[in-house]
């Protein structure tokens, strides 16, 4: 479950009529979806997918990001976006498209693609959350890794992974082979940001960092200090890039420190220390057919 803190960089205009969000959960392709309105703010609400908070959207404030890891991801994207008027962003996992909506507000010329496994959820997100239309934001129904594999090389400046089954990222979206495919679709100087939810002793986060370090030249992790010390369950933002200057940008570290919930950025030796002896995650080996199914030679 993602923690929430209001992003101070966003301002809310006067309130309009309340949206026609249904009361209670509605059936979608993979379970249920529900918008829970924010008390006192009838045009803002949290999207629950199968009862788990997925996105927070304020229809009057498209630049708002309430989830802490999304604020952190947006800070990283701002570094990449500098000097790139043709910014392109791929979202693996869409939900309510809160991050895509905020980036569209901050970068009106950006082109974004959001991949969502649940076809009905993608349709409802369009209906419920006043999302930018194509080509600014395209929604594609499909499985994240399969859709990633269909994309051309060197297409996106940012790839953002935010896919969950319950409170875990599906294993096939955490492996070295998957990260290599992410790197393939990134433009030179691009960045991969991945939301990793983990609990003490951060075994998954450590393994994912080791995985990214085997693919990207530079790896970072962003989180609250208490989360980095493995004191509780929470979200860590993992970052991979081949741009040496991106993670060394002084403005990025300063922005992260001044978020509503201050966060630390670890790079270099600190990341290697956190990863420790963790080994990169790999796809399972292809199944070998039984001997009696092998062709005669």
C-alpha atoms as a PDB file:
ATOM      1  CA  UNK A   1       0.000   0.000   0.000  1.00  0.00           C
ATOM      2  CA  UNK A   2       1.406   3.392  -0.988  1.00  0.00           C
ATOM      3  CA  UNK A   3       1.662   6.198   1.552  1.00  0.00           C
ATOM      4  CA  UNK A   4       0.300   9.585   0.532  1.00  0.00           C
ATOM      5  CA  UNK A   5       1.500  13.133   1.009  1.00  0.00           C
ATOM      6  CA  UNK A   6       0.272  16.134  -0.936  1.00  0.00           C
ATOM      7  CA  UNK A   7       2.649  17.456  -3.587  1.00  0.00           C
ATOM      8  CA  UNK A   8       3.144  21.170  -2.849  1.00  0.00           C
ATOM      9  CA  UNK A   9       4.099  21.953  -6.465  1.00  0.00           C
ATOM     10  CA  UNK A  10       0.491  21.637  -7.560  1.00  0.00           C
ATOM     11  CA  UNK A  11      -2.287  24.174  -7.024  1.00  0.00           C
ATOM     12  CA  UNK A  12      -6.002  23.490  -7.066  1.00  0.00           C
ATOM     13  CA  UNK A  13      -8.396  25.744  -9.033  1.00  0.00           C
ATOM     14  CA  UNK A  14     -11.981  26.359  -7.892  1.00  0.00           C
ATOM     15  CA  UNK A  15     -14.097  23.260  -7.400  1.00  0.00           C
ATOM     16  CA  UNK A  16     -16.626  22.220 -10.053  1.00  0.00           C
ATOM     17  CA  UNK A  17     -19.510  19.775  -9.958  1.00  0.00           C
ATOM     18  CA  UNK A  18     -18.903  16.415  -8.310  1.00  0.00           C
ATOM     19  CA  UNK A  19     -18.036  13.592 -10.736  1.00  0.00           C
ATOM     20  CA  UNK A  20     -20.402  10.726 -11.412  1.00  0.00           C
ATOM     21  CA  UNK A  21     -18.241   8.101  -9.733  1.00  0.00           C
ATOM     22  CA  UNK A  22     -20.202   4.960  -8.809  1.00  0.00           C
ATOM     23  CA  UNK A  23     -20.709   4.153  -5.164  1.00  0.00           C
ATOM     24  CA  UNK A  24     -18.957   0.990  -4.071  1.00  0.00           C
ATOM     25  CA  UNK A  25     -16.824  -1.394  -6.131  1.00  0.00           C
ATOM     26  CA  UNK A  26     -17.544  -2.211  -9.757  1.00  0.00           C
ATOM     27  CA  UNK A  27     -16.468  -5.331 -11.601  1.00  0.00           C
ATOM     28  CA  UNK A  28     -13.441  -5.096 -13.888  1.00  0.00           C
ATOM     29  CA  UNK A  29     -11.556  -7.746 -15.842  1.00  0.00           C
ATOM     30  CA  UNK A  30      -9.238  -8.707 -12.963  1.00  0.00           C
ATOM     31  CA  UNK A  31     -11.513  -8.126  -9.972  1.00  0.00           C
ATOM     32  CA  UNK A  32     -12.995  -4.890  -8.702  1.00  0.00           C
ATOM     33  CA  UNK A  33     -12.304  -1.165  -8.894  1.00  0.00           C
ATOM     34  CA  UNK A  34     -13.667   1.553  -6.664  1.00  0.00           C
ATOM     35  CA  UNK A  35     -13.143   5.296  -6.252  1.00  0.00           C
ATOM     36  CA  UNK A  36     -13.297   6.456  -2.634  1.00  0.00           C
ATOM     37  CA  UNK A  37     -13.889  10.233  -2.565  1.00  0.00           C
ATOM     38  CA  UNK A  38     -11.637  12.314  -0.335  1.00  0.00           C
ATOM     39  CA  UNK A  39     -13.566  13.833   2.606  1.00  0.00           C
ATOM     40  CA  UNK A  40     -14.283  17.478   1.895  1.00  0.00           C
ATOM     41  CA  UNK A  41     -12.968  17.193  -1.681  1.00  0.00           C
ATOM     42  CA  UNK A  42     -15.711  15.558  -3.750  1.00  0.00           C
ATOM     43  CA  UNK A  43     -13.694  15.779  -7.000  1.00  0.00           C
ATOM     44  CA  UNK A  44     -10.689  13.979  -5.528  1.00  0.00           C
ATOM     45  CA  UNK A  45     -10.498  10.315  -4.701  1.00  0.00           C
ATOM     46  CA  UNK A  46      -8.425   7.185  -4.277  1.00  0.00           C
ATOM     47  CA  UNK A  47      -8.749   4.390  -6.807  1.00  0.00           C
ATOM     48  CA  UNK A  48      -8.840   0.980  -5.134  1.00  0.00           C
ATOM     49  CA  UNK A  49      -8.099  -2.053  -7.294  1.00  0.00           C
ATOM     50  CA  UNK A  50      -9.186  -5.240  -5.529  1.00  0.00           C
ATOM     51  CA  UNK A  51      -9.311  -3.190  -2.344  1.00  0.00           C
ATOM     52  CA  UNK A  52      -5.692  -1.944  -2.621  1.00  0.00           C
ATOM     53  CA  UNK A  53      -4.945   1.792  -3.141  1.00  0.00           C
ATOM     54  CA  UNK A  54      -3.653   2.205  -6.692  1.00  0.00           C
ATOM     55  CA  UNK A  55      -3.872   5.910  -7.541  1.00  0.00           C
ATOM     56  CA  UNK A  56      -5.055   9.224  -6.125  1.00  0.00           C
ATOM     57  CA  UNK A  57      -6.573  11.707  -8.567  1.00  0.00           C
ATOM     58  CA  UNK A  58      -7.930  15.226  -8.107  1.00  0.00           C
ATOM     59  CA  UNK A  59      -9.950  16.304 -11.131  1.00  0.00           C
ATOM     60  CA  UNK A  60      -9.332  19.966 -10.246  1.00  0.00           C
ATOM     61  CA  UNK A  61      -5.584  19.513  -9.860  1.00  0.00           C
ATOM     62  CA  UNK A  62      -4.033  17.448 -12.683  1.00  0.00           C
ATOM     63  CA  UNK A  63      -0.492  18.093 -11.447  1.00  0.00           C
ATOM     64  CA  UNK A  64      -1.179  16.642  -8.006  1.00  0.00           C
ATOM     65  CA  UNK A  65       0.710  13.567  -6.819  1.00  0.00           C
ATOM     66  CA  UNK A  66      -0.200  12.277  -3.362  1.00  0.00           C
ATOM     67  CA  UNK A  67       1.641   8.953  -3.336  1.00  0.00           C
ATOM     68  CA  UNK A  68       5.204   9.458  -2.149  1.00  0.00           C
ATOM     69  CA  UNK A  69       6.872   7.136  -4.649  1.00  0.00           C
ATOM     70  CA  UNK A  70       5.119   8.972  -7.493  1.00  0.00           C
ATOM     71  CA  UNK A  71       6.470  12.290  -6.208  1.00  0.00           C
ATOM     72  CA  UNK A  72       9.924  10.717  -6.191  1.00  0.00           C
ATOM     73  CA  UNK A  73       9.483   9.329  -9.705  1.00  0.00           C
ATOM     74  CA  UNK A  74       8.325  12.724 -10.980  1.00  0.00           C
ATOM     75  CA  UNK A  75      11.469  14.312  -9.505  1.00  0.00           C
ATOM     76  CA  UNK A  76      13.631  11.878 -11.486  1.00  0.00           C
ATOM     77  CA  UNK A  77      11.628  12.478 -14.663  1.00  0.00           C
ATOM     78  CA  UNK A  78      12.162  16.237 -14.338  1.00  0.00           C
ATOM     79  CA  UNK A  79      15.920  15.728 -14.618  1.00  0.00           C
ATOM     80  CA  UNK A  80      15.489  13.665 -17.786  1.00  0.00           C
ATOM     81  CA  UNK A  81      12.920  16.083 -19.208  1.00  0.00           C
ATOM     82  CA  UNK A  82      15.290  19.055 -19.057  1.00  0.00           C
ATOM     83  CA  UNK A  83      16.080  20.005 -22.632  1.00  0.00           C
ATOM     84  CA  UNK A  84      13.797  17.323 -24.109  1.00  0.00           C
ATOM     85  CA  UNK A  85      10.661  19.004 -25.470  1.00  0.00           C
ATOM     86  CA  UNK A  86       9.744  15.711 -27.169  1.00  0.00           C
ATOM     87  CA  UNK A  87       9.722  13.769 -23.881  1.00  0.00           C
ATOM     88  CA  UNK A  88       8.373  10.229 -24.257  1.00  0.00           C
ATOM     89  CA  UNK A  89       7.233   8.102 -21.321  1.00  0.00           C
ATOM     90  CA  UNK A  90       6.158   4.464 -21.147  1.00  0.00           C
ATOM     91  CA  UNK A  91       4.090   3.409 -18.128  1.00  0.00           C
ATOM     92  CA  UNK A  92       3.958  -0.312 -17.414  1.00  0.00           C
ATOM     93  CA  UNK A  93       0.919  -0.482 -15.174  1.00  0.00           C
ATOM     94  CA  UNK A  94      -1.595   2.312 -15.508  1.00  0.00           C
ATOM     95  CA  UNK A  95      -4.263   2.138 -12.794  1.00  0.00           C
ATOM     96  CA  UNK A  96      -5.759   5.608 -12.583  1.00  0.00           C
ATOM     97  CA  UNK A  97      -2.844   7.105 -14.558  1.00  0.00           C
ATOM     98  CA  UNK A  98      -2.036   9.612 -11.796  1.00  0.00           C
ATOM     99  CA  UNK A  99       1.640   9.887 -12.748  1.00  0.00           C
ATOM    100  CA  UNK A 100       0.885  10.093 -16.465  1.00  0.00           C
ATOM    101  CA  UNK A 101      -1.752  12.752 -15.809  1.00  0.00           C
ATOM    102  CA  UNK A 102       0.665  14.837 -13.726  1.00  0.00           C
ATOM    103  CA  UNK A 103       3.442  14.569 -16.313  1.00  0.00           C
ATOM    104  CA  UNK A 104       1.028  15.582 -19.074  1.00  0.00           C
ATOM    105  CA  UNK A 105       0.130  18.660 -17.018  1.00  0.00           C
ATOM    106  CA  UNK A 106       3.769  19.583 -16.428  1.00  0.00           C
ATOM    107  CA  UNK A 107       4.935  18.716 -19.963  1.00  0.00           C
ATOM    108  CA  UNK A 108       2.080  19.370 -22.399  1.00  0.00           C
ATOM    109  CA  UNK A 109       4.153  18.311 -25.419  1.00  0.00           C
ATOM    110  CA  UNK A 110       5.132  14.952 -23.933  1.00  0.00           C
ATOM    111  CA  UNK A 111       3.898  11.741 -25.545  1.00  0.00           C
ATOM    112  CA  UNK A 112       2.994   8.895 -23.206  1.00  0.00           C
ATOM    113  CA  UNK A 113       1.855   5.303 -23.503  1.00  0.00           C
ATOM    114  CA  UNK A 114       0.297   3.513 -20.526  1.00  0.00           C
ATOM    115  CA  UNK A 115      -0.037  -0.274 -20.613  1.00  0.00           C
ATOM    116  CA  UNK A 116      -2.755  -1.770 -18.413  1.00  0.00           C
ATOM    117  CA  UNK A 117      -3.540  -5.479 -18.123  1.00  0.00           C
ATOM    118  CA  UNK A 118      -7.170  -4.861 -17.182  1.00  0.00           C
ATOM    119  CA  UNK A 119      -9.078  -3.723 -20.271  1.00  0.00           C
ATOM    120  CA  UNK A 120     -12.137  -2.573 -18.330  1.00  0.00           C
ATOM    121  CA  UNK A 121     -10.044  -0.690 -15.786  1.00  0.00           C
ATOM    122  CA  UNK A 122      -8.319   1.204 -18.606  1.00  0.00           C
ATOM    123  CA  UNK A 123     -11.710   2.143 -20.035  1.00  0.00           C
ATOM    124  CA  UNK A 124     -12.983   3.313 -16.652  1.00  0.00           C
ATOM    125  CA  UNK A 125      -9.844   5.363 -16.032  1.00  0.00           C
ATOM    126  CA  UNK A 126     -10.657   7.301 -19.212  1.00  0.00           C
ATOM    127  CA  UNK A 127     -14.247   7.725 -18.107  1.00  0.00           C
ATOM    128  CA  UNK A 128     -13.569   8.621 -14.468  1.00  0.00           C
ATOM    129  CA  UNK A 129     -10.385  10.683 -14.436  1.00  0.00           C
ATOM    130  CA  UNK A 130     -10.454  13.124 -17.373  1.00  0.00           C
ATOM    131  CA  UNK A 131      -7.224  11.806 -18.854  1.00  0.00           C
ATOM    132  CA  UNK A 132      -5.426  13.556 -21.735  1.00  0.00           C
ATOM    133  CA  UNK A 133      -6.409  12.132 -25.089  1.00  0.00           C
ATOM    134  CA  UNK A 134      -4.167  10.439 -27.640  1.00  0.00           C
ATOM    135  CA  UNK A 135      -1.529  11.142 -28.826  1.00  0.00           C
ATOM    136  CA  UNK A 136      -0.599  12.903 -25.546  1.00  0.00           C
ATOM    137  CA  UNK A 137      -1.605   9.820 -23.564  1.00  0.00           C
ATOM    138  CA  UNK A 138      -2.439   6.539 -25.205  1.00  0.00           C
ATOM    139  CA  UNK A 139      -3.813   3.603 -23.212  1.00  0.00           C
ATOM    140  CA  UNK A 140      -3.079   0.088 -24.373  1.00  0.00           C
ATOM    141  CA  UNK A 141      -4.628  -3.026 -22.875  1.00  0.00           C
ATOM    142  CA  UNK A 142      -2.132  -5.835 -22.523  1.00  0.00           C
ATOM    143  CA  UNK A 143       0.388  -7.643 -20.339  1.00  0.00           C
ATOM    144  CA  UNK A 144       3.318  -5.379 -19.500  1.00  0.00           C
ATOM    145  CA  UNK A 145       6.193  -7.600 -20.582  1.00  0.00           C
ATOM    146  CA  UNK A 146       4.502  -8.762 -23.760  1.00  0.00           C
ATOM    147  CA  UNK A 147       3.706  -5.191 -24.810  1.00  0.00           C
ATOM    148  CA  UNK A 148       7.234  -4.054 -23.917  1.00  0.00           C
ATOM    149  CA  UNK A 149       8.627  -6.730 -26.209  1.00  0.00           C
ATOM    150  CA  UNK A 150       6.624  -5.362 -29.143  1.00  0.00           C
ATOM    151  CA  UNK A 151       8.011  -1.815 -28.897  1.00  0.00           C
ATOM    152  CA  UNK A 152      10.806  -0.539 -31.138  1.00  0.00           C
ATOM    153  CA  UNK A 153      14.323   0.089 -29.866  1.00  0.00           C
ATOM    154  CA  UNK A 154      15.305   3.510 -28.449  1.00  0.00           C
ATOM    155  CA  UNK A 155      11.740   4.861 -28.295  1.00  0.00           C
ATOM    156  CA  UNK A 156      11.261   6.226 -24.760  1.00  0.00           C
ATOM    157  CA  UNK A 157      13.064   8.648 -22.459  1.00  0.00           C
ATOM    158  CA  UNK A 158      11.414   7.139 -19.385  1.00  0.00           C
ATOM    159  CA  UNK A 159      10.067   3.691 -18.586  1.00  0.00           C
ATOM    160  CA  UNK A 160       8.074   3.566 -15.335  1.00  0.00           C
ATOM    161  CA  UNK A 161       7.080   0.208 -13.828  1.00  0.00           C
ATOM    162  CA  UNK A 162       4.188   0.171 -11.378  1.00  0.00           C
ATOM    163  CA  UNK A 163       2.621  -3.283 -11.713  1.00  0.00           C
ATOM    164  CA  UNK A 164       1.279  -5.287  -8.795  1.00  0.00           C
ATOM    165  CA  UNK A 165      -0.526  -8.525  -8.124  1.00  0.00           C
ATOM    166  CA  UNK A 166      -1.721  -7.942  -4.572  1.00  0.00           C
ATOM    167  CA  UNK A 167       1.185  -6.278  -2.781  1.00  0.00           C
ATOM    168  CA  UNK A 168       3.955  -7.765  -4.963  1.00  0.00           C
ATOM    169  CA  UNK A 169       5.342  -7.068  -8.402  1.00  0.00           C
ATOM    170  CA  UNK A 170       4.949 -10.148 -10.626  1.00  0.00           C
ATOM    171  CA  UNK A 171       8.267 -11.993 -10.708  1.00  0.00           C
ATOM    172  CA  UNK A 172       8.639 -11.911 -14.495  1.00  0.00           C
ATOM    173  CA  UNK A 173       8.749  -8.091 -14.302  1.00  0.00           C
ATOM    174  CA  UNK A 174      11.725  -8.099 -11.930  1.00  0.00           C
ATOM    175  CA  UNK A 175      14.279 -10.187 -13.836  1.00  0.00           C
ATOM    176  CA  UNK A 176      17.496  -9.353 -15.644  1.00  0.00           C
ATOM    177  CA  UNK A 177      15.942 -10.352 -18.959  1.00  0.00           C
ATOM    178  CA  UNK A 178      13.056  -7.969 -18.382  1.00  0.00           C
ATOM    179  CA  UNK A 179      15.436  -5.137 -17.414  1.00  0.00           C
ATOM    180  CA  UNK A 180      17.447  -5.757 -20.589  1.00  0.00           C
ATOM    181  CA  UNK A 181      14.282  -5.297 -22.636  1.00  0.00           C
ATOM    182  CA  UNK A 182      13.537  -2.061 -20.753  1.00  0.00           C
ATOM    183  CA  UNK A 183      17.032  -0.818 -21.588  1.00  0.00           C
ATOM    184  CA  UNK A 184      16.462  -1.740 -25.232  1.00  0.00           C
ATOM    185  CA  UNK A 185      13.475   0.596 -25.596  1.00  0.00           C
ATOM    186  CA  UNK A 186      15.139   3.504 -23.772  1.00  0.00           C
ATOM    187  CA  UNK A 187      16.662   6.352 -25.716  1.00  0.00           C
ATOM    188  CA  UNK A 188      20.274   7.328 -24.932  1.00  0.00           C
ATOM    189  CA  UNK A 189      20.310   9.047 -21.551  1.00  0.00           C
ATOM    190  CA  UNK A 190      16.922   7.614 -20.642  1.00  0.00           C
ATOM    191  CA  UNK A 191      15.903   6.257 -17.263  1.00  0.00           C
ATOM    192  CA  UNK A 192      14.012   3.313 -15.808  1.00  0.00           C
ATOM    193  CA  UNK A 193      12.075   3.918 -12.584  1.00  0.00           C
ATOM    194  CA  UNK A 194      10.443   1.000 -10.791  1.00  0.00           C
ATOM    195  CA  UNK A 195       8.146   0.986  -7.783  1.00  0.00           C
ATOM    196  CA  UNK A 196       9.306  -1.816  -5.501  1.00  0.00           C
ATOM    197  CA  UNK A 197       7.158  -2.582  -2.451  1.00  0.00           C
ATOM    198  CA  UNK A 198       9.078  -4.579   0.125  1.00  0.00           C
ATOM    199  CA  UNK A 199       9.299  -5.381   3.813  1.00  0.00           C
ATOM    200  CA  UNK A 200      12.230  -6.083   6.147  1.00  0.00           C
ATOM    201  CA  UNK A 201      14.862  -7.321   5.415  1.00  0.00           C
ATOM    202  CA  UNK A 202      14.303  -5.848   1.913  1.00  0.00           C
ATOM    203  CA  UNK A 203      15.312  -9.065   0.167  1.00  0.00           C
ATOM    204  CA  UNK A 204      13.358  -8.210  -2.994  1.00  0.00           C
ATOM    205  CA  UNK A 205      14.698  -4.651  -3.210  1.00  0.00           C
ATOM    206  CA  UNK A 206      18.266  -5.881  -2.755  1.00  0.00           C
ATOM    207  CA  UNK A 207      17.837  -8.496  -5.465  1.00  0.00           C
ATOM    208  CA  UNK A 208      16.260  -5.984  -7.825  1.00  0.00           C
ATOM    209  CA  UNK A 209      19.137  -3.563  -7.261  1.00  0.00           C
ATOM    210  CA  UNK A 210      21.613  -6.331  -8.079  1.00  0.00           C
ATOM    211  CA  UNK A 211      19.566  -7.060 -11.193  1.00  0.00           C
ATOM    212  CA  UNK A 212      19.570  -3.449 -12.383  1.00  0.00           C
ATOM    213  CA  UNK A 213      23.290  -3.140 -11.665  1.00  0.00           C
ATOM    214  CA  UNK A 214      23.887  -6.027 -14.062  1.00  0.00           C
ATOM    215  CA  UNK A 215      22.069  -4.147 -16.849  1.00  0.00           C
ATOM    216  CA  UNK A 216      22.548  -0.406 -16.289  1.00  0.00           C
ATOM    217  CA  UNK A 217      25.780   1.512 -15.769  1.00  0.00           C
ATOM    218  CA  UNK A 218      24.292   3.593 -12.945  1.00  0.00           C
ATOM    219  CA  UNK A 219      21.731   2.506 -10.363  1.00  0.00           C
ATOM    220  CA  UNK A 220      20.014   4.389  -7.544  1.00  0.00           C
ATOM    221  CA  UNK A 221      17.338   3.843  -4.947  1.00  0.00           C
ATOM    222  CA  UNK A 222      15.082   6.478  -3.407  1.00  0.00           C
ATOM    223  CA  UNK A 223      13.181   6.020  -0.149  1.00  0.00           C
ATOM    224  CA  UNK A 224      12.588   7.411   3.291  1.00  0.00           C
ATOM    225  CA  UNK A 225      15.562   6.825   5.610  1.00  0.00           C
ATOM    226  CA  UNK A 226      13.527   4.510   7.861  1.00  0.00           C
ATOM    227  CA  UNK A 227      12.529   2.434   4.849  1.00  0.00           C
ATOM    228  CA  UNK A 228      16.150   2.147   3.717  1.00  0.00           C
ATOM    229  CA  UNK A 229      17.015   0.852   7.175  1.00  0.00           C
ATOM    230  CA  UNK A 230      14.432  -1.900   6.682  1.00  0.00           C
ATOM    231  CA  UNK A 231      12.183  -0.918   9.555  1.00  0.00           C
ATOM    232  CA  UNK A 232       8.811  -1.342   7.868  1.00  0.00           C
ATOM    233  CA  UNK A 233       6.893  -2.332   4.756  1.00  0.00           C
ATOM    234  CA  UNK A 234       6.813   0.375   2.127  1.00  0.00           C
ATOM    235  CA  UNK A 235       7.736   1.571  -1.341  1.00  0.00           C
ATOM    236  CA  UNK A 236      11.234   2.069  -2.685  1.00  0.00           C
ATOM    237  CA  UNK A 237      11.868   3.699  -6.047  1.00  0.00           C
ATOM    238  CA  UNK A 238      14.572   1.887  -8.011  1.00  0.00           C
ATOM    239  CA  UNK A 239      16.357   3.817 -10.757  1.00  0.00           C
ATOM    240  CA  UNK A 240      18.506   2.533 -13.626  1.00  0.00           C
ATOM    241  CA  UNK A 241      20.240   4.615 -16.302  1.00  0.00           C
ATOM    242  CA  UNK A 242      23.353   4.751 -18.477  1.00  0.00           C
ATOM    243  CA  UNK A 243      23.599   8.531 -18.003  1.00  0.00           C
ATOM    244  CA  UNK A 244      26.352   9.181 -15.475  1.00  0.00           C
ATOM    245  CA  UNK A 245      25.145  12.706 -14.735  1.00  0.00           C
ATOM    246  CA  UNK A 246      21.486  11.942 -14.042  1.00  0.00           C
ATOM    247  CA  UNK A 247      21.847  10.498 -10.556  1.00  0.00           C
ATOM    248  CA  UNK A 248      24.598  12.995  -9.693  1.00  0.00           C
ATOM    249  CA  UNK A 249      22.341  15.955 -10.440  1.00  0.00           C
ATOM    250  CA  UNK A 250      22.432  18.150  -7.295  1.00  0.00           C
ATOM    251  CA  UNK A 251      18.939  19.441  -7.979  1.00  0.00           C
ATOM    252  CA  UNK A 252      17.524  15.909  -7.826  1.00  0.00           C
ATOM    253  CA  UNK A 253      18.918  15.175  -4.378  1.00  0.00           C
ATOM    254  CA  UNK A 254      17.708  18.574  -3.164  1.00  0.00           C
ATOM    255  CA  UNK A 255      14.206  18.037  -4.548  1.00  0.00           C
ATOM    256  CA  UNK A 256      13.962  14.627  -2.890  1.00  0.00           C
ATOM    257  CA  UNK A 257      15.065  16.047   0.447  1.00  0.00           C
ATOM    258  CA  UNK A 258      12.406  18.758   0.292  1.00  0.00           C
ATOM    259  CA  UNK A 259       9.413  16.568  -0.555  1.00  0.00           C
ATOM    260  CA  UNK A 260       6.565  16.518   2.004  1.00  0.00           C
ATOM    261  CA  UNK A 261       8.159  13.314   3.277  1.00  0.00           C
ATOM    262  CA  UNK A 262      11.921  13.780   2.743  1.00  0.00           C
ATOM    263  CA  UNK A 263      13.612  10.973   0.856  1.00  0.00           C
ATOM    264  CA  UNK A 264      17.211   9.906   0.362  1.00  0.00           C
ATOM    265  CA  UNK A 265      18.875   8.980  -2.909  1.00  0.00           C
ATOM    266  CA  UNK A 266      21.510   6.265  -2.685  1.00  0.00           C
ATOM    267  CA  UNK A 267      23.948   5.721  -5.557  1.00  0.00           C
ATOM    268  CA  UNK A 268      27.296   4.093  -6.215  1.00  0.00           C
ATOM    269  CA  UNK A 269      28.902   2.422  -3.216  1.00  0.00           C
ATOM    270  CA  UNK A 270      25.790   2.971  -1.079  1.00  0.00           C
ATOM    271  CA  UNK A 271      23.689   0.991  -3.540  1.00  0.00           C
ATOM    272  CA  UNK A 272      26.258  -1.785  -3.721  1.00  0.00           C
ATOM    273  CA  UNK A 273      26.340  -1.904   0.074  1.00  0.00           C
ATOM    274  CA  UNK A 274      22.546  -2.129   0.263  1.00  0.00           C
ATOM    275  CA  UNK A 275      22.426  -4.856  -2.394  1.00  0.00           C
ATOM    276  CA  UNK A 276      25.097  -6.783  -0.482  1.00  0.00           C
ATOM    277  CA  UNK A 277      25.439 -10.375  -1.647  1.00  0.00           C
ATOM    278  CA  UNK A 278      22.125 -10.398  -3.513  1.00  0.00           C
ATOM    279  CA  UNK A 279      22.233 -12.027  -6.931  1.00  0.00           C
ATOM    280  CA  UNK A 280      20.427 -10.803 -10.054  1.00  0.00           C
ATOM    281  CA  UNK A 281      16.997 -12.279 -10.593  1.00  0.00           C
ATOM    282  CA  UNK A 282      16.679 -14.419 -13.722  1.00  0.00           C
ATOM    283  CA  UNK A 283      13.881 -15.853 -15.790  1.00  0.00           C
ATOM    284  CA  UNK A 284      13.339 -19.536 -15.025  1.00  0.00           C
ATOM    285  CA  UNK A 285      14.993 -21.866 -17.549  1.00  0.00           C
ATOM    286  CA  UNK A 286      12.830 -22.999 -20.400  1.00  0.00           C
ATOM    287  CA  UNK A 287      11.096 -26.248 -19.622  1.00  0.00           C
ATOM    288  CA  UNK A 288      12.750 -29.305 -21.200  1.00  0.00           C
ATOM    289  CA  UNK A 289      10.256 -31.593 -22.919  1.00  0.00           C
ATOM    290  CA  UNK A 290      10.095 -35.171 -21.637  1.00  0.00           C
ATOM    291  CA  UNK A 291      12.431 -37.648 -23.325  1.00  0.00           C
ATOM    292  CA  UNK A 292       9.604 -39.457 -25.097  1.00  0.00           C
ATOM    293  CA  UNK A 293       8.529 -36.152 -26.672  1.00  0.00           C
ATOM    294  CA  UNK A 294      11.946 -35.460 -28.225  1.00  0.00           C
ATOM    295  CA  UNK A 295      12.150 -36.046 -31.984  1.00  0.00           C
ATOM    296  CA  UNK A 296      14.123 -39.048 -33.261  1.00  0.00           C
ATOM    297  CA  UNK A 297      17.577 -38.299 -34.596  1.00  0.00           C
END
